[in-house]
Each structure stands twice: as structure tokens, then as C-alpha cells.
Amino acid sequence: MAVDTFNTVLVDTPVMTVTSAAVNVIRTLLEQRQIPNHALRVFVSGGGCSGMQYGMAFEEGARDFDKTVEIDGVRLIVDPTSLMYLQGATIDFVDSLMGGGFRIENPNAVSSCGCGSSFKTANDSGEESSGGCGSCSH
């Protein structure tokens, strides 16, 4: 937290939060693939059944203007465009009888697909952005 000259408290919103379960899975994947110095890139791209979709990939390092988050020795990187959609999101790893996977709790999403890998955001007028078919067919 910082205080400006008018004694207004400025609160920094975290880039994103990563649960200990997700950190442990990322660390295990890095070890299994023998790429301990890589980082997990988290990104958003167009597509998916709700209009936007999440993606993840291991990369050796950050690019210019990327934001890096380090938690317990695990690094995540996010490009500036994706950061607009992911600011304040929480990444978790959920393991269940139906299978496991990363889950992103995104405060910027106004709706998401049942599969959890795609979402819609609100545009500047407050209306939902147009999206895909609304079913989980990917």
C-alpha cells in the first residue's frame, strides 16, 4: 500500500493469486519435464464457447512488458493484453473423480462456460460481449 500527498490510501490489486495446490502441480510438471528454470505463461485468447479462452504454456523466460508473478519459487508470466482480463484472478488446481485440472476464478468474467476454460467479459457499456455457442463442445 502507498499513500499519496493527499493522504489517500492507494491499494495495489495483485496481478493474480495462485493457490498452493496449483503451485505444487506446476512445480511437479516442471520437474517431470526437466525444465526447472521455465515459467508458466498464462494467457487469454479469442475463441472458446463463451468468446474468450484461457491458455497456459511453459516458456523459458518473460518477454518485454510481461508481468511476472513468483510464488514459492514458481514463476508465472502474463502479457499486457491478457493481464487486462486476468487482473485479480485466482488460479487453482482441482482434482476430482471426474478428472483434475487448473481452474481460474476470474473477477472480470461476467459469465463462463461449464467447462471453465472460456468466459465472457463486459464491454465498456456494461453489456456482455458477444460469445460463442454457450455449450462445451471443445
C-alpha atoms as a PDB file:
ATOM      1  CA  MET A   1       0.000   0.000   0.000  1.00  0.00           C
ATOM      2  CA  ALA A   2       1.146   3.529  -0.729  1.00  0.00           C
ATOM      3  CA  VAL A   3      -0.053   6.918   0.486  1.00  0.00           C
ATOM      4  CA  ASP A   4      -0.084   9.929  -1.838  1.00  0.00           C
ATOM      5  CA  THR A   5       0.399  13.591  -0.797  1.00  0.00           C
ATOM      6  CA  PHE A   6      -3.336  13.966  -0.020  1.00  0.00           C
ATOM      7  CA  ASN A   7      -3.234  11.048   2.464  1.00  0.00           C
ATOM      8  CA  THR A   8      -5.334   8.882   0.148  1.00  0.00           C
ATOM      9  CA  VAL A   9      -4.615   5.197   0.538  1.00  0.00           C
ATOM     10  CA  LEU A  10      -3.761   3.544  -2.782  1.00  0.00           C
ATOM     11  CA  VAL A  11      -4.428  -0.194  -2.800  1.00  0.00           C
ATOM     12  CA  ASP A  12      -2.441  -2.353  -5.199  1.00  0.00           C
ATOM     13  CA  THR A  13      -4.540  -5.133  -6.730  1.00  0.00           C
ATOM     14  CA  PRO A  14      -2.449  -8.290  -7.013  1.00  0.00           C
ATOM     15  CA  VAL A  15      -1.735  -9.372 -10.573  1.00  0.00           C
ATOM     16  CA  MET A  16      -3.145 -12.784  -9.721  1.00  0.00           C
ATOM     17  CA  THR A  17      -3.276 -15.260  -6.885  1.00  0.00           C
ATOM     18  CA  VAL A  18      -2.092 -18.856  -7.191  1.00  0.00           C
ATOM     19  CA  THR A  19      -3.176 -21.449  -4.642  1.00  0.00           C
ATOM     20  CA  SER A  20      -0.680 -23.797  -3.018  1.00  0.00           C
ATOM     21  CA  ALA A  21      -2.335 -26.735  -4.843  1.00  0.00           C
ATOM     22  CA  ALA A  22      -1.675 -25.046  -8.215  1.00  0.00           C
ATOM     23  CA  VAL A  23       1.905 -24.128  -7.233  1.00  0.00           C
ATOM     24  CA  ASN A  24       2.610 -27.749  -6.268  1.00  0.00           C
ATOM     25  CA  VAL A  25       1.254 -29.082  -9.588  1.00  0.00           C
ATOM     26  CA  ILE A  26       3.224 -26.504 -11.600  1.00  0.00           C
ATOM     27  CA  ARG A  27       6.405 -27.383  -9.694  1.00  0.00           C
ATOM     28  CA  THR A  28       5.807 -31.116 -10.293  1.00  0.00           C
ATOM     29  CA  LEU A  29       5.228 -30.556 -14.028  1.00  0.00           C
ATOM     30  CA  LEU A  30       8.431 -28.507 -14.301  1.00  0.00           C
ATOM     31  CA  GLU A  31      10.379 -31.306 -12.602  1.00  0.00           C
ATOM     32  CA  GLN A  32       8.778 -34.079 -14.686  1.00  0.00           C
ATOM     33  CA  ARG A  33       9.566 -32.249 -17.919  1.00  0.00           C
ATOM     34  CA  GLN A  34      13.069 -31.413 -16.692  1.00  0.00           C
ATOM     35  CA  ILE A  35      12.601 -27.678 -17.277  1.00  0.00           C
ATOM     36  CA  PRO A  36      13.053 -26.282 -13.748  1.00  0.00           C
ATOM     37  CA  ASN A  37      14.052 -22.793 -14.962  1.00  0.00           C
ATOM     38  CA  HIS A  38      10.950 -22.272 -17.094  1.00  0.00           C
ATOM     39  CA  ALA A  39       7.873 -20.238 -16.156  1.00  0.00           C
ATOM     40  CA  LEU A  40       4.199 -20.877 -16.788  1.00  0.00           C
ATOM     41  CA  ARG A  41       2.729 -18.379 -19.235  1.00  0.00           C
ATOM     42  CA  VAL A  42      -0.965 -17.738 -18.552  1.00  0.00           C
ATOM     43  CA  PHE A  43      -2.814 -16.045 -21.386  1.00  0.00           C
ATOM     44  CA  VAL A  44      -6.207 -15.196 -22.831  1.00  0.00           C
ATOM     45  CA  SER A  45      -7.139 -15.544 -26.487  1.00  0.00           C
ATOM     46  CA  GLY A  46     -10.263 -15.198 -28.589  1.00  0.00           C
ATOM     47  CA  GLY A  47     -12.374 -18.294 -29.095  1.00  0.00           C
ATOM     48  CA  GLY A  48     -13.887 -20.954 -26.928  1.00  0.00           C
ATOM     49  CA  CYS A  49     -17.587 -21.455 -26.469  1.00  0.00           C
ATOM     50  CA  SER A  50     -18.027 -18.251 -24.435  1.00  0.00           C
ATOM     51  CA  GLY A  51     -15.940 -15.854 -26.538  1.00  0.00           C
ATOM     52  CA  MET A  52     -12.558 -15.823 -24.767  1.00  0.00           C
ATOM     53  CA  GLN A  53     -10.470 -18.749 -23.586  1.00  0.00           C
ATOM     54  CA  TYR A  54      -7.649 -19.320 -21.140  1.00  0.00           C
ATOM     55  CA  GLY A  55      -4.362 -20.882 -22.134  1.00  0.00           C
ATOM     56  CA  MET A  56      -1.173 -21.973 -20.403  1.00  0.00           C
ATOM     57  CA  ALA A  57       2.251 -22.965 -21.713  1.00  0.00           C
ATOM     58  CA  PHE A  58       5.744 -23.338 -20.297  1.00  0.00           C
ATOM     59  CA  GLU A  59       8.314 -20.812 -21.544  1.00  0.00           C
ATOM     60  CA  GLU A  60      11.941 -20.204 -20.766  1.00  0.00           C
ATOM     61  CA  GLY A  61      11.550 -16.531 -19.915  1.00  0.00           C
ATOM     62  CA  ALA A  62       9.453 -13.418 -19.978  1.00  0.00           C
ATOM     63  CA  ARG A  63       9.199 -11.061 -22.948  1.00  0.00           C
ATOM     64  CA  ASP A  64       9.326  -7.276 -22.907  1.00  0.00           C
ATOM     65  CA  PHE A  65       6.401  -5.771 -20.965  1.00  0.00           C
ATOM     66  CA  ASP A  66       5.317  -9.120 -19.440  1.00  0.00           C
ATOM     67  CA  LYS A  67       4.314  -9.145 -15.785  1.00  0.00           C
ATOM     68  CA  THR A  68       5.983 -11.861 -13.697  1.00  0.00           C
ATOM     69  CA  VAL A  69       4.474 -13.344 -10.550  1.00  0.00           C
ATOM     70  CA  GLU A  70       6.662 -15.565  -8.349  1.00  0.00           C
ATOM     71  CA  ILE A  71       5.157 -17.735  -5.635  1.00  0.00           C
ATOM     72  CA  ASP A  72       7.228 -20.226  -3.642  1.00  0.00           C
ATOM     73  CA  GLY A  73       9.865 -20.434  -6.378  1.00  0.00           C
ATOM     74  CA  VAL A  74       7.350 -20.951  -9.210  1.00  0.00           C
ATOM     75  CA  ARG A  75       7.123 -18.185 -11.824  1.00  0.00           C
ATOM     76  CA  LEU A  76       4.073 -17.234 -13.869  1.00  0.00           C
ATOM     77  CA  ILE A  77       4.181 -14.699 -16.687  1.00  0.00           C
ATOM     78  CA  VAL A  78       1.336 -12.733 -18.251  1.00  0.00           C
ATOM     79  CA  ASP A  79       1.403 -10.479 -21.307  1.00  0.00           C
ATOM     80  CA  PRO A  80      -0.120  -6.973 -21.018  1.00  0.00           C
ATOM     81  CA  THR A  81      -3.228  -7.774 -23.098  1.00  0.00           C
ATOM     82  CA  SER A  82      -4.044 -10.907 -21.108  1.00  0.00           C
ATOM     83  CA  LEU A  83      -3.392  -9.004 -17.887  1.00  0.00           C
ATOM     84  CA  MET A  84      -6.377  -6.753 -18.685  1.00  0.00           C
ATOM     85  CA  TYR A  85      -8.592  -9.860 -18.446  1.00  0.00           C
ATOM     86  CA  LEU A  86      -6.727 -11.698 -15.660  1.00  0.00           C
ATOM     87  CA  GLN A  87      -6.049  -8.900 -13.150  1.00  0.00           C
ATOM     88  CA  GLY A  88      -7.101 -10.166  -9.725  1.00  0.00           C
ATOM     89  CA  ALA A  89      -7.833 -13.738 -10.885  1.00  0.00           C
ATOM     90  CA  THR A  90      -7.073 -16.814  -8.785  1.00  0.00           C
ATOM     91  CA  ILE A  91      -5.514 -19.923 -10.323  1.00  0.00           C
ATOM     92  CA  ASP A  92      -6.259 -23.184  -8.536  1.00  0.00           C
ATOM     93  CA  PHE A  93      -5.793 -26.872  -9.284  1.00  0.00           C
ATOM     94  CA  VAL A  94      -8.820 -29.058  -8.639  1.00  0.00           C
ATOM     95  CA  ASP A  95      -8.591 -32.851  -8.536  1.00  0.00           C
ATOM     96  CA  SER A  96     -11.826 -34.841  -8.590  1.00  0.00           C
ATOM     97  CA  LEU A  97     -13.214 -38.208  -9.625  1.00  0.00           C
ATOM     98  CA  MET A  98     -14.159 -36.668 -12.989  1.00  0.00           C
ATOM     99  CA  GLY A  99     -10.564 -35.556 -13.568  1.00  0.00           C
ATOM    100  CA  GLY A 100      -8.315 -32.754 -12.482  1.00  0.00           C
ATOM    101  CA  GLY A 101      -7.212 -29.502 -13.962  1.00  0.00           C
ATOM    102  CA  PHE A 102      -6.401 -25.867 -13.452  1.00  0.00           C
ATOM    103  CA  ARG A 103      -9.355 -23.641 -12.639  1.00  0.00           C
ATOM    104  CA  ILE A 104      -9.319 -19.864 -12.954  1.00  0.00           C
ATOM    105  CA  GLU A 105     -11.619 -17.806 -10.754  1.00  0.00           C
ATOM    106  CA  ASN A 106     -11.821 -14.568 -12.709  1.00  0.00           C
ATOM    107  CA  PRO A 107     -13.494 -11.484 -11.191  1.00  0.00           C
ATOM    108  CA  ASN A 108     -13.525  -9.879 -14.665  1.00  0.00           C
ATOM    109  CA  ALA A 109     -15.725 -12.591 -16.213  1.00  0.00           C
ATOM    110  CA  VAL A 110     -19.465 -11.895 -16.363  1.00  0.00           C
ATOM    111  CA  SER A 111     -20.151 -15.493 -17.402  1.00  0.00           C
ATOM    112  CA  SER A 112     -18.160 -18.618 -18.093  1.00  0.00           C
ATOM    113  CA  CYS A 113     -18.571 -21.908 -19.869  1.00  0.00           C
ATOM    114  CA  GLY A 114     -19.431 -25.033 -17.915  1.00  0.00           C
ATOM    115  CA  CYS A 115     -16.009 -26.481 -18.719  1.00  0.00           C
ATOM    116  CA  GLY A 116     -14.316 -23.477 -17.086  1.00  0.00           C
ATOM    117  CA  SER A 117     -11.885 -22.839 -19.920  1.00  0.00           C
ATOM    118  CA  SER A 118     -13.735 -19.977 -21.619  1.00  0.00           C
ATOM    119  CA  PHE A 119     -15.530 -16.845 -20.462  1.00  0.00           C
ATOM    120  CA  LYS A 120     -17.213 -13.557 -21.412  1.00  0.00           C
ATOM    121  CA  THR A 121     -16.383 -10.090 -20.138  1.00  0.00           C
ATOM    122  CA  ALA A 122     -18.433  -6.897 -20.054  1.00  0.00           C
ATOM    123  CA  ASN A 123     -17.623  -4.264 -22.652  1.00  0.00           C
ATOM    124  CA  ASP A 124     -17.359  -0.557 -21.792  1.00  0.00           C
ATOM    125  CA  SER A 125     -21.137  -0.008 -21.994  1.00  0.00           C
ATOM    126  CA  GLY A 126     -21.703  -2.699 -19.369  1.00  0.00           C
ATOM    127  CA  GLU A 127     -23.286  -5.176 -21.769  1.00  0.00           C
ATOM    128  CA  GLU A 128     -21.961  -8.691 -22.157  1.00  0.00           C
ATOM    129  CA  SER A 129     -19.621  -9.124 -25.092  1.00  0.00           C
ATOM    130  CA  SER A 130     -20.740 -11.465 -27.824  1.00  0.00           C
ATOM    131  CA  GLY A 131     -19.576 -15.007 -27.430  1.00  0.00           C
ATOM    132  CA  GLY A 132     -19.772 -18.463 -28.865  1.00  0.00           C
ATOM    133  CA  CYS A 133     -22.409 -21.139 -28.778  1.00  0.00           C
ATOM    134  CA  GLY A 134     -22.660 -21.403 -24.996  1.00  0.00           C
ATOM    135  CA  SER A 135     -22.033 -25.142 -24.906  1.00  0.00           C
ATOM    136  CA  CYS A 136     -18.885 -27.028 -24.013  1.00  0.00           C
ATOM    137  CA  SER A 137     -18.001 -28.622 -27.326  1.00  0.00           C
ATOM    138  CA  HIS A 138     -14.249 -28.053 -27.401  1.00  0.00           C
END
